[in-house]
């Protein structure tokens, strides 16, 4: 496994060179950076004026070309407040760190050995064919049950289970149809196949001190893991397509969909509170994103679109932990069998970034129907 250590000095040089290119009159690409350190933020997600995810920045934080009619853009990066890009040609997008407060966790004991994570999840999905587009924004309250290695009696679940949700759809086609709804009987979601990690992750030795730094791990087809250590947390991103035959991070996606789906992006990103030891555990997750882009074809998807025509689908999920505790197997089974008795509603937690204007307009339109 290859590791590449990225120092502040090297990143500083790249920023200086970018400034020199501007001074010399050479057109400079927009770069997404941390507002305090000026370090580039790799693989930030870019949303257009309608709230659709439209692009992903490069590993060095460079914004790809986006059509002018898609502006203003919203740039999102896990652990940071979203930033707005009003027009093309701006040199730098500066993103400020998001201070998201985590709940206290109940102390783990010998009998309380099942980690229960509950949280707020947002989904941005667009399904596009040559003739029409379906856009979805969804808000959910979900939970995960993650048994520790000490527990052998309760399997739990690593994919999110929906406890409450609100859906907002927009339908557009080449004939000029533009309608909205809270329902769509043919909607396909990757949601049921998203797995959160459930075992400890070893922290790279190069990151185990008090200084902020970045590190990467190379896969067979590209950078497999990106680490970014800030003052009080770690950001960890894995590109599942960098090792297509290794399903450690994508046990359901590539095995089940591999023959009928051409994935062009399949990545997850986590923010963890800084641990005391050399490992990061699932209990230290504070936020996560899941980013999926694919060309779908074949009979597996025919029921979704009602046509044999392939379609592109892009989904982006944000997950914010709101509650976490260790349960006994009996308490976990009660949660599994009787979630409806918990009085759960979709409530946006404090500290979560505001929605894009395009999504707010979609929610208002659905409410007026």
Foldseek 3Di string as FASTA:
>chain_A
DDKDFDDLVVQVVVVVVQVVCVVVVHQHFEFEAAQPSRAGDAFWWKAFQQGATDDTHHGRRGDDDDDFVRPQMWTGDPQWFIFTRGGGRDHYTYTYGFDDDADDEDDDDLQLFKKKFKWKKWKWKWKDDQWKIKTKIKIFIWMWIAGDPSDDPDHTGFQTDGLEMWMKMWIAGPVGDTAIARDDPLDDDCRRQQGDDRFKDFADPVPPDQDWTKMFDAACQGTAWIWTDDRFKIKIKGWCVRHLVDCNRRVPPCVPCVPFKAWPGWMKMFIFTDDPDRIDGPVRTFKMKTKTKIWGADPVSCSNPVDRGIIIMIMMMIIGTHDMYGHGPVVVVCCVPPVVVVPDYRDDDPRDHDGRPSVVVSVVSNVVD
